[in-house]
Structures are given as C-alpha cells and as structure tokens.
N, C-alpha and C. Protein backbone atom coordinates (compact mmCIF):
# COMPACT_ATOMS: atom_id res chain seq x y z
N MET A 1 -23.02 -10.56 20.13
CA MET A 1 -22.84 -9.36 19.57
C MET A 1 -21.18 -9.49 19.26
N ASN A 2 -20.71 -9.43 20.34
CA ASN A 2 -19.31 -9.14 20.60
C ASN A 2 -18.59 -10.57 19.96
N ARG A 3 -18.93 -11.62 19.70
CA ARG A 3 -18.19 -12.62 18.82
C ARG A 3 -18.49 -12.57 17.54
N PHE A 4 -19.65 -12.07 16.92
CA PHE A 4 -19.67 -11.46 15.36
C PHE A 4 -18.69 -10.36 14.93
N LEU A 5 -18.65 -9.49 16.33
CA LEU A 5 -17.87 -7.98 15.83
C LEU A 5 -16.33 -8.78 16.04
N LYS A 6 -16.04 -9.53 16.78
CA LYS A 6 -14.47 -10.52 16.75
C LYS A 6 -14.50 -11.33 15.08
N LEU A 7 -15.58 -11.89 14.94
CA LEU A 7 -15.41 -12.72 13.87
C LEU A 7 -15.03 -11.29 12.75
N VAL A 8 -16.01 -10.45 12.61
CA VAL A 8 -15.81 -9.57 11.23
C VAL A 8 -14.44 -8.61 11.06
N VAL A 9 -13.90 -8.59 12.54
CA VAL A 9 -12.60 -8.06 12.69
C VAL A 9 -11.44 -8.91 12.43
N PHE A 10 -11.37 -10.21 12.61
CA PHE A 10 -10.67 -11.34 12.06
C PHE A 10 -10.82 -11.40 10.42
N LEU A 11 -11.82 -11.61 9.89
CA LEU A 11 -12.20 -11.47 8.34
C LEU A 11 -11.41 -10.74 7.52
N LEU A 12 -12.06 -9.32 8.28
CA LEU A 12 -11.35 -8.26 7.68
C LEU A 12 -9.63 -8.14 7.74
N ALA A 13 -9.12 -8.51 8.88
CA ALA A 13 -7.65 -8.77 9.19
C ALA A 13 -6.96 -9.52 8.06
N ALA A 14 -7.68 -10.89 8.12
CA ALA A 14 -7.26 -11.61 7.38
C ALA A 14 -7.25 -11.42 5.62
N ILE A 15 -8.14 -10.65 5.26
CA ILE A 15 -8.18 -9.96 4.07
C ILE A 15 -7.17 -9.14 3.54
N TYR A 16 -7.19 -7.95 4.52
CA TYR A 16 -6.07 -6.93 5.39
C TYR A 16 -4.93 -7.21 4.91
N PHE A 17 -4.29 -8.26 5.15
CA PHE A 17 -3.07 -8.62 5.41
C PHE A 17 -2.85 -9.73 4.44
N LEU A 18 -3.97 -10.34 3.92
CA LEU A 18 -3.33 -10.90 2.73
C LEU A 18 -3.00 -9.99 1.25
N VAL A 19 -3.96 -9.14 1.11
CA VAL A 19 -3.75 -8.34 0.40
C VAL A 19 -2.33 -7.30 0.53
N ASP A 20 -2.09 -7.27 2.09
CA ASP A 20 -0.91 -6.44 2.04
C ASP A 20 0.17 -7.06 1.66
N ALA A 21 0.04 -8.40 1.91
CA ALA A 21 1.44 -9.49 2.13
C ALA A 21 1.81 -9.33 0.68
N ILE A 22 0.70 -9.37 -0.28
CA ILE A 22 1.08 -9.78 -1.82
C ILE A 22 1.79 -7.88 -2.03
N PHE A 23 0.83 -7.35 -1.68
CA PHE A 23 0.98 -5.99 -2.14
C PHE A 23 2.10 -5.11 -1.97
N LEU A 24 2.16 -5.50 -0.97
CA LEU A 24 3.48 -4.31 -0.16
C LEU A 24 4.42 -4.79 -0.34
N THR A 25 4.74 -5.97 -0.21
CA THR A 25 5.78 -6.79 -0.96
C THR A 25 6.38 -6.28 -2.42
N PHE A 26 5.84 -6.08 -3.28
CA PHE A 26 6.18 -6.07 -4.45
C PHE A 26 6.37 -3.82 -4.16
N ALA A 27 5.03 -3.60 -3.62
CA ALA A 27 5.52 -2.19 -3.57
C ALA A 27 6.27 -1.20 -3.23
N LYS A 28 7.13 -1.81 -1.98
CA LYS A 28 8.46 -1.70 -1.00
C LYS A 28 9.29 -2.00 -1.91
N SER A 29 9.68 -2.71 -2.87
CA SER A 29 10.40 -3.06 -3.34
C SER A 29 10.74 -2.11 -4.69
N LEU A 30 9.38 -1.67 -5.38
CA LEU A 30 9.41 -1.30 -6.50
C LEU A 30 9.70 0.18 -5.87
N ALA A 31 9.01 0.70 -4.78
CA ALA A 31 9.38 2.03 -4.28
C ALA A 31 10.57 2.05 -4.50
N ASN A 32 11.92 1.30 -3.51
CA ASN A 32 12.84 1.61 -2.96
C ASN A 32 13.36 1.33 -4.57
N TRP A 33 13.41 0.91 -5.60
CA TRP A 33 13.95 0.47 -6.38
C TRP A 33 13.90 2.01 -7.45
N ILE A 34 12.80 2.69 -7.41
CA ILE A 34 12.89 4.18 -8.00
C ILE A 34 13.41 5.04 -6.93
N ALA A 35 13.58 4.77 -5.80
CA ALA A 35 14.48 5.54 -5.09
C ALA A 35 15.86 6.04 -5.61
N GLU A 36 16.51 4.48 -5.33
CA GLU A 36 17.84 4.47 -5.81
C GLU A 36 18.28 4.77 -7.29
N HIS A 37 17.18 5.38 -8.43
CA HIS A 37 17.72 5.91 -9.35
C HIS A 37 17.64 7.18 -9.72
N TRP A 38 18.88 7.43 -10.23
CA TRP A 38 19.38 8.75 -10.47
C TRP A 38 18.21 9.47 -11.36
N ILE A 39 17.42 8.99 -11.93
CA ILE A 39 16.46 9.68 -12.99
C ILE A 39 15.23 10.42 -11.89
N PHE A 40 15.28 9.98 -10.89
CA PHE A 40 14.34 10.67 -10.12
C PHE A 40 14.81 11.37 -8.86
N GLU A 41 15.88 11.71 -8.88
CA GLU A 41 16.20 12.49 -7.89
C GLU A 41 16.65 13.77 -8.11
N SER A 42 16.01 14.56 -9.22
CA SER A 42 15.79 15.73 -9.58
C SER A 42 14.24 16.15 -9.49
N LEU A 43 13.50 14.85 -9.62
CA LEU A 43 12.04 14.82 -9.00
C LEU A 43 11.79 14.88 -7.25
N ARG A 44 12.79 14.39 -6.49
CA ARG A 44 12.59 14.18 -5.43
C ARG A 44 12.96 15.39 -4.91
N ALA A 45 13.91 16.48 -5.21
CA ALA A 45 14.33 17.72 -5.09
C ALA A 45 13.12 18.16 -5.37
N TRP A 46 12.56 18.11 -6.31
CA TRP A 46 11.65 19.20 -6.66
C TRP A 46 10.43 19.34 -5.58
N ILE A 47 9.94 17.96 -5.14
CA ILE A 47 9.15 17.89 -4.22
C ILE A 47 9.62 18.26 -2.98
N VAL A 48 10.56 18.20 -2.51
CA VAL A 48 11.12 18.64 -1.30
C VAL A 48 11.38 19.91 -1.27
N SER A 49 11.55 20.75 -2.23
CA SER A 49 11.47 22.43 -2.22
C SER A 49 9.93 22.75 -2.35
N LEU A 50 8.52 21.84 -2.14
CA LEU A 50 7.54 22.81 -2.08
C LEU A 50 7.01 22.69 -0.84
N PRO A 51 6.21 24.21 -1.14
CA PRO A 51 5.89 24.44 0.58
C PRO A 51 4.97 23.45 0.93
N PRO A 52 4.21 23.01 2.17
CA PRO A 52 3.36 22.28 2.88
C PRO A 52 1.72 22.05 1.61
N TYR A 53 1.75 22.88 1.66
CA TYR A 53 0.00 23.01 0.76
C TYR A 53 0.11 22.42 -0.35
N PRO A 54 0.90 23.06 -1.88
CA PRO A 54 1.23 22.13 -2.82
C PRO A 54 1.88 20.87 -2.63
N THR A 55 2.46 20.26 -1.28
CA THR A 55 2.93 19.35 -1.40
C THR A 55 1.71 17.62 -1.19
N LEU A 56 0.66 18.69 -0.14
CA LEU A 56 -0.26 18.14 0.07
C LEU A 56 -1.08 17.74 -1.07
N ALA A 57 -1.39 18.42 -1.92
CA ALA A 57 -2.05 18.15 -3.45
C ALA A 57 -1.30 17.56 -3.90
N LEU A 58 0.02 17.39 -3.87
CA LEU A 58 0.79 16.71 -4.76
C LEU A 58 0.21 15.14 -4.17
N PHE A 59 0.29 14.90 -3.08
CA PHE A 59 0.07 13.56 -2.29
C PHE A 59 -1.11 13.16 -1.98
N ALA A 60 -2.33 13.95 -2.63
CA ALA A 60 -3.76 13.60 -2.65
C ALA A 60 -3.86 13.66 -4.58
N LEU A 61 -2.97 13.64 -4.89
CA LEU A 61 -3.30 13.38 -6.50
C LEU A 61 -3.48 11.99 -7.14
N PRO A 62 -2.59 11.30 -6.70
CA PRO A 62 -2.68 9.59 -6.60
C PRO A 62 -3.67 8.87 -6.04
N LEU A 63 -3.90 9.39 -5.08
CA LEU A 63 -5.24 8.89 -4.53
C LEU A 63 -6.46 9.05 -5.35
N ALA A 64 -6.87 10.65 -5.75
CA ALA A 64 -7.61 11.13 -6.43
C ALA A 64 -7.67 10.82 -8.04
N ILE A 65 -6.43 10.35 -8.62
CA ILE A 65 -6.87 9.71 -9.78
C ILE A 65 -6.78 8.28 -9.91
N LEU A 66 -6.12 7.46 -8.67
CA LEU A 66 -6.11 5.71 -8.83
C LEU A 66 -7.23 5.21 -7.90
N GLU A 67 -8.16 6.17 -7.09
CA GLU A 67 -8.92 5.54 -5.53
C GLU A 67 -9.99 5.02 -7.06
N PRO A 68 -10.57 5.74 -8.03
CA PRO A 68 -11.68 5.21 -8.81
C PRO A 68 -11.34 3.87 -9.60
N VAL A 69 -10.24 3.45 -9.99
CA VAL A 69 -9.74 2.55 -10.31
C VAL A 69 -10.04 1.05 -9.99
N LYS A 70 -10.51 1.41 -8.49
CA LYS A 70 -11.35 0.02 -7.22
C LYS A 70 -12.89 -0.08 -8.42
N PRO A 71 -13.50 0.87 -8.40
CA PRO A 71 -15.24 0.74 -9.13
C PRO A 71 -15.16 0.47 -10.48
N ILE A 72 -14.34 0.40 -11.06
CA ILE A 72 -13.93 0.67 -12.48
C ILE A 72 -13.80 -1.09 -12.49
N ALA A 73 -12.71 -1.54 -11.63
CA ALA A 73 -12.03 -2.66 -11.21
C ALA A 73 -13.27 -3.81 -11.47
N ALA A 74 -13.94 -3.35 -10.04
CA ALA A 74 -15.32 -4.09 -9.81
C ALA A 74 -16.26 -4.28 -10.93
N TYR A 75 -16.66 -3.02 -11.96
CA TYR A 75 -17.51 -3.15 -12.86
C TYR A 75 -16.74 -4.24 -13.85
N PHE A 76 -15.59 -4.26 -14.21
CA PHE A 76 -15.29 -5.06 -15.35
C PHE A 76 -15.41 -6.56 -14.71
N VAL A 77 -15.20 -6.79 -13.39
CA VAL A 77 -15.48 -8.32 -13.05
C VAL A 77 -16.63 -8.38 -13.32
N GLY A 78 -17.36 -7.82 -12.96
CA GLY A 78 -18.98 -7.81 -12.82
C GLY A 78 -19.62 -8.31 -14.28
N THR A 79 -19.28 -7.30 -15.18
CA THR A 79 -19.29 -7.83 -16.28
C THR A 79 -18.44 -9.03 -17.32
N GLY A 80 -18.19 -9.76 -16.52
CA GLY A 80 -17.49 -10.92 -17.08
C GLY A 80 -15.80 -10.56 -17.70
N HIS A 81 -15.50 -9.18 -17.48
CA HIS A 81 -14.18 -9.64 -18.05
C HIS A 81 -12.92 -9.41 -16.73
N VAL A 82 -13.24 -10.56 -15.93
CA VAL A 82 -12.35 -10.80 -14.64
C VAL A 82 -10.83 -11.13 -14.73
N ALA A 83 -10.20 -10.84 -15.95
CA ALA A 83 -8.84 -10.76 -16.15
C ALA A 83 -8.53 -9.12 -16.12
N THR A 84 -9.38 -8.70 -17.11
CA THR A 84 -9.30 -6.98 -17.05
C THR A 84 -9.24 -6.48 -16.00
N GLY A 85 -10.23 -6.60 -15.22
CA GLY A 85 -10.93 -6.29 -14.32
C GLY A 85 -9.64 -6.59 -13.03
N LEU A 86 -9.11 -7.48 -13.10
CA LEU A 86 -8.43 -7.90 -11.80
C LEU A 86 -6.80 -7.33 -12.19
N THR A 87 -6.44 -7.30 -13.60
CA THR A 87 -5.07 -6.64 -13.90
C THR A 87 -5.29 -5.09 -13.77
N LEU A 88 -6.62 -4.37 -13.75
CA LEU A 88 -7.05 -2.69 -13.27
C LEU A 88 -6.59 -2.68 -11.86
N LEU A 89 -7.27 -3.74 -10.75
CA LEU A 89 -6.99 -3.58 -9.75
C LEU A 89 -5.58 -3.49 -9.21
N VAL A 90 -4.72 -4.27 -9.62
CA VAL A 90 -3.37 -5.12 -8.98
C VAL A 90 -2.54 -3.84 -9.67
N VAL A 91 -2.99 -3.54 -11.18
CA VAL A 91 -1.78 -2.60 -11.43
C VAL A 91 -2.13 -1.07 -10.38
N GLY A 92 -3.40 -0.58 -10.77
CA GLY A 92 -3.92 0.58 -10.34
C GLY A 92 -3.65 0.36 -8.71
N GLU A 93 -3.79 -0.34 -7.69
CA GLU A 93 -3.70 -0.58 -6.38
C GLU A 93 -1.46 -0.28 -6.11
N LEU A 94 -1.30 -1.22 -6.90
CA LEU A 94 0.49 -1.42 -6.91
C LEU A 94 0.76 0.32 -7.31
N LEU A 95 0.02 0.89 -8.07
CA LEU A 95 1.12 2.28 -8.38
C LEU A 95 0.04 2.96 -7.39
N LYS A 96 -0.84 3.19 -7.13
CA LYS A 96 -1.40 3.90 -5.52
C LYS A 96 -0.25 3.71 -4.65
N LEU A 97 0.03 2.80 -4.00
CA LEU A 97 0.64 2.52 -2.84
C LEU A 97 2.37 2.87 -2.84
N VAL A 98 3.24 2.69 -3.77
CA VAL A 98 3.95 2.92 -4.37
C VAL A 98 4.54 4.95 -4.34
N LEU A 99 3.59 5.02 -5.32
CA LEU A 99 3.48 7.02 -4.92
C LEU A 99 3.06 7.52 -3.96
N VAL A 100 2.10 6.78 -3.22
CA VAL A 100 1.80 7.13 -1.70
C VAL A 100 2.48 6.91 -0.98
N GLU A 101 3.55 5.91 -1.14
CA GLU A 101 3.94 5.52 0.11
C GLU A 101 5.25 6.21 -0.60
N ARG A 102 6.04 6.63 -1.22
CA ARG A 102 7.32 7.61 -1.86
C ARG A 102 7.08 9.45 -1.66
N LEU A 103 5.98 9.56 -1.79
CA LEU A 103 5.56 10.85 -1.63
C LEU A 103 5.36 10.84 -0.02
N PHE A 104 4.66 9.88 1.29
CA PHE A 104 4.59 10.34 2.14
C PHE A 104 6.04 10.41 2.99
N SER A 105 6.78 9.25 2.28
CA SER A 105 8.35 9.24 3.12
C SER A 105 9.41 10.44 2.87
N ILE A 106 8.73 11.29 1.49
CA ILE A 106 9.47 12.51 1.44
C ILE A 106 9.13 13.72 2.01
N SER A 107 7.88 13.74 1.98
CA SER A 107 7.15 14.94 2.75
C SER A 107 6.45 15.15 3.93
N ARG A 108 6.71 13.81 4.81
CA ARG A 108 6.46 13.60 6.05
C ARG A 108 6.42 15.26 6.75
N GLY A 109 7.50 15.43 7.00
CA GLY A 109 7.60 16.26 7.86
C GLY A 109 6.74 17.83 7.44
N LYS A 110 6.70 17.99 6.35
CA LYS A 110 5.64 18.99 5.54
C LYS A 110 4.16 18.78 5.82
N LEU A 111 3.61 17.46 5.50
CA LEU A 111 2.49 16.93 5.39
C LEU A 111 2.11 17.26 6.80
N MET A 112 2.97 17.09 8.00
CA MET A 112 2.96 17.21 9.13
C MET A 112 2.33 18.14 9.96
N SER A 113 3.17 19.52 9.31
CA SER A 113 3.10 20.70 9.43
C SER A 113 1.91 21.33 9.26
N ILE A 114 0.88 20.58 8.56
CA ILE A 114 -0.43 20.87 7.99
C ILE A 114 -1.18 20.37 9.11
N PRO A 115 -2.16 21.68 10.00
CA PRO A 115 -2.46 20.92 11.29
C PRO A 115 -4.19 20.14 11.22
N ALA A 116 -4.71 20.45 9.97
CA ALA A 116 -5.40 18.99 9.60
C ALA A 116 -5.23 18.19 9.00
N PHE A 117 -3.85 17.65 8.50
CA PHE A 117 -3.68 16.82 7.81
C PHE A 117 -3.14 15.81 9.28
N ALA A 118 -2.35 16.71 10.06
CA ALA A 118 -1.49 16.06 11.15
C ALA A 118 -2.89 15.29 11.78
N TRP A 119 -4.07 16.61 12.26
CA TRP A 119 -5.05 15.94 13.29
C TRP A 119 -5.64 14.46 12.55
N VAL A 120 -5.79 14.51 11.18
CA VAL A 120 -6.48 13.15 10.59
C VAL A 120 -5.48 11.90 10.72
N TYR A 121 -4.27 12.55 10.55
CA TYR A 121 -3.06 11.06 10.46
C TYR A 121 -2.85 10.86 12.37
N TRP A 122 -3.60 11.83 12.79
CA TRP A 122 -3.25 11.42 14.41
C TRP A 122 -4.65 10.51 14.93
N LYS A 123 -5.88 10.90 14.19
CA LYS A 123 -7.16 9.87 14.43
C LYS A 123 -6.64 8.59 13.79
N TYR A 124 -6.72 8.62 12.15
CA TYR A 124 -6.11 7.80 11.74
C TYR A 124 -5.02 6.47 12.39
N SER A 125 -4.23 6.94 13.09
CA SER A 125 -2.79 6.02 14.02
C SER A 125 -3.60 5.77 14.99
N ALA A 126 -4.85 6.71 15.64
CA ALA A 126 -5.20 5.90 16.45
C ALA A 126 -6.30 4.70 16.66
N ALA A 127 -6.89 4.52 15.52
CA ALA A 127 -7.52 4.17 15.33
C ALA A 127 -7.04 2.85 14.97
N LYS A 128 -5.84 2.68 14.13
CA LYS A 128 -5.30 1.88 13.41
C LYS A 128 -4.91 1.14 14.58
N ASP A 129 -4.17 1.75 15.98
CA ASP A 129 -3.62 1.48 16.96
C ASP A 129 -4.77 0.24 17.84
N CYS A 130 -5.82 0.91 17.73
CA CYS A 130 -7.00 0.42 18.25
C CYS A 130 -7.36 -1.02 17.67
N ILE A 131 -7.32 -1.13 16.14
CA ILE A 131 -7.83 -2.30 15.63
C ILE A 131 -6.74 -3.40 15.82
N THR A 132 -5.05 -2.87 15.91
CA THR A 132 -3.92 -3.60 15.34
C THR A 132 -3.82 -4.41 16.87
N SER A 133 -4.35 -3.65 17.94
CA SER A 133 -4.65 -4.71 19.50
C SER A 133 -5.11 -5.61 19.56
N MET A 134 -6.21 -5.51 18.78
CA MET A 134 -7.05 -6.91 19.12
C MET A 134 -6.53 -8.24 18.84
N LYS A 135 -6.69 -9.22 19.51
CA LYS A 135 -5.87 -10.42 19.44
C LYS A 135 -6.07 -11.04 18.12
N ALA A 136 -7.51 -10.86 17.34
CA ALA A 136 -7.61 -11.50 16.15
C ALA A 136 -6.67 -10.96 15.12
N TRP A 137 -6.79 -9.63 15.27
CA TRP A 137 -5.84 -9.30 14.38
C TRP A 137 -4.18 -9.50 14.49
N GLN A 138 -3.68 -10.07 15.59
CA GLN A 138 -2.52 -10.05 15.75
C GLN A 138 -2.08 -11.77 15.55
N VAL A 139 -3.52 -12.22 15.14
CA VAL A 139 -3.45 -13.48 15.03
C VAL A 139 -2.77 -13.83 13.48
N VAL A 140 -3.88 -12.91 12.66
CA VAL A 140 -3.82 -12.87 11.07
C VAL A 140 -2.65 -12.30 11.07
N ARG A 141 -2.09 -11.23 11.21
CA ARG A 141 -0.71 -11.04 11.19
C ARG A 141 0.62 -11.72 11.15
N ARG A 142 0.46 -12.73 12.34
CA ARG A 142 1.56 -13.70 12.19
C ARG A 142 1.16 -14.44 10.68
N TRP A 143 0.01 -14.89 10.63
CA TRP A 143 0.11 -15.89 9.66
C TRP A 143 0.69 -14.94 8.16
N SER A 144 0.32 -13.78 8.06
CA SER A 144 0.26 -12.71 7.35
C SER A 144 1.75 -12.22 6.76
N LEU A 145 2.91 -12.84 8.36
CA LEU A 145 4.54 -12.50 8.33
C LEU A 145 4.91 -13.94 7.74
N VAL A 146 4.19 -15.02 7.90
CA VAL A 146 4.56 -16.56 7.47
C VAL A 146 4.29 -16.72 6.00
N ALA A 147 3.27 -16.33 5.41
CA ALA A 147 2.91 -15.95 4.03
C ALA A 147 3.94 -14.97 3.50
N GLN A 148 4.19 -13.85 3.84
CA GLN A 148 5.60 -12.86 2.99
C GLN A 148 6.77 -13.49 3.52
N TYR A 149 6.98 -14.43 4.59
CA TYR A 149 8.41 -14.92 4.36
C TYR A 149 8.52 -16.18 2.97
N LEU A 150 7.15 -16.92 3.08
CA LEU A 150 7.31 -17.73 2.29
C LEU A 150 7.03 -17.38 0.64
N VAL A 151 6.50 -16.43 0.50
CA VAL A 151 6.52 -15.43 -0.82
C VAL A 151 7.88 -15.58 -1.34
N ARG A 152 8.72 -14.52 -0.04
CA ARG A 152 10.07 -14.20 -0.45
C ARG A 152 11.03 -15.53 -0.66
N SER A 153 11.32 -16.14 0.14
CA SER A 153 12.12 -17.44 -0.04
C SER A 153 11.83 -17.89 -1.16
N TYR A 154 10.71 -18.10 -1.76
CA TYR A 154 10.19 -18.70 -3.16
C TYR A 154 10.63 -18.46 -4.02
N ALA A 155 10.33 -16.68 -3.59
CA ALA A 155 11.26 -15.72 -4.96
C ALA A 155 12.53 -16.13 -5.04
N LEU A 156 13.13 -16.13 -3.63
CA LEU A 156 14.73 -16.24 -3.76
C LEU A 156 14.93 -17.43 -4.19
N ARG A 157 14.15 -18.47 -4.23
CA ARG A 157 14.94 -19.46 -4.88
C ARG A 157 14.62 -19.65 -5.96
N LEU A 158 13.86 -18.92 -6.71
CA LEU A 158 13.42 -18.86 -8.48
C LEU A 158 14.25 -17.96 -9.11
N ARG A 159 15.07 -16.82 -8.08
CA ARG A 159 15.99 -15.76 -8.86
C ARG A 159 17.29 -16.67 -9.46
N PRO A 160 17.97 -17.67 -8.87
CA PRO A 160 18.88 -18.31 -9.71
C PRO A 160 18.22 -19.21 -10.60
N ILE A 161 17.42 -19.53 -10.74
CA ILE A 161 16.91 -20.56 -11.86
C ILE A 161 16.63 -19.28 -13.28
N ILE A 162 15.77 -17.81 -13.02
CA ILE A 162 15.76 -17.66 -14.00
C ILE A 162 17.13 -16.89 -14.10
N VAL A 163 18.03 -16.57 -14.07
CA VAL A 163 19.14 -15.93 -14.17
C VAL A 163 19.80 -17.25 -15.02
N GLN A 164 20.33 -18.39 -14.60
CA GLN A 164 20.57 -19.52 -15.34
C GLN A 164 19.72 -19.68 -16.77
N SER A 165 18.83 -19.34 -16.74
CA SER A 165 17.90 -19.23 -18.04
C SER A 165 18.22 -18.58 -19.08
N ARG A 166 18.96 -17.55 -18.64
CA ARG A 166 19.37 -15.99 -19.64
C ARG A 166 20.22 -16.79 -20.70
C-alpha cells in the first residue's frame, strides 16, 4: 500500500509540475506584463479600495466563472473535438491562473483578514507543505525546474530569430 501511495504521489506530482511548468511560466509573465501597464493601474487602485468581503467575492469570481471550463473542455475532447477542447482548457486555465494570482497578490492582506479564508489558506498551506516534503514530489520538482529552464532558454534563443524576421 505504501509503495502504491508513493507511485500515485509521484505520478500526480509529475503531471502537476509539467502543467505548472508550462502554464505558470506564461501566466507569471502575462501577469507581470498586465501589472506594468498604466491601463490596469486604476483597476488595481479600485481593487485595493474594496473592503475584505467584496474583495473575497471578486477573488472567487474567476474561479466560479472559469472552473466549469475544465468539464466543458473534457466534453469537447470526449466528443472528438480535441483541438477545441485543448484550446479551451489552455485559455481557461491561463486566464484563471493570471487573474487569481494577480488578485491574490494585490489583496492578500485583506483576504487573510477574513477568518474563514485565513483558516482555509492555512489548511491548504499545511497540506501543500506535507505533499511537497515527500521525496517523490521533490524529484519531480527538480525535473520540472530543468524543463522550465529548457523552455526558457529555447524561448530566449528564438527571440532574436523572431525579431530579425520582422
């Protein structure tokens, strides 16, 4: 049973970090790009001015809207529309990651002032720490970092070629 559990954790970690390496690399770059533009400064100021519970509602909005994208994408893939389903999944997950990451980074203090949110976040952090301390998780994490490095270095090598072709 213990070996089976380790195998399951290893496989889940591999899948998680592979997806994380692909999505989070682009999501963080996109979120930073969004944060730098003056157009979004007034939106940021508005979010900062909100009280804690409306901030929580705003934080939950992308999750509520974009979480149903996964089963819809699975339906499209299951009915033979693989490209449409995968595109929907990628765009939906990327949007969700970017929006949730930006909203959390802007309003972390207010969200943590809500006792229920702080409790759930503490439990989430404790579970995440427990899982990430497993040896299988750490091995796959190293592989993920190597994959991220390879993707970034490949993208950096392609950048001059793309600029020259314009």
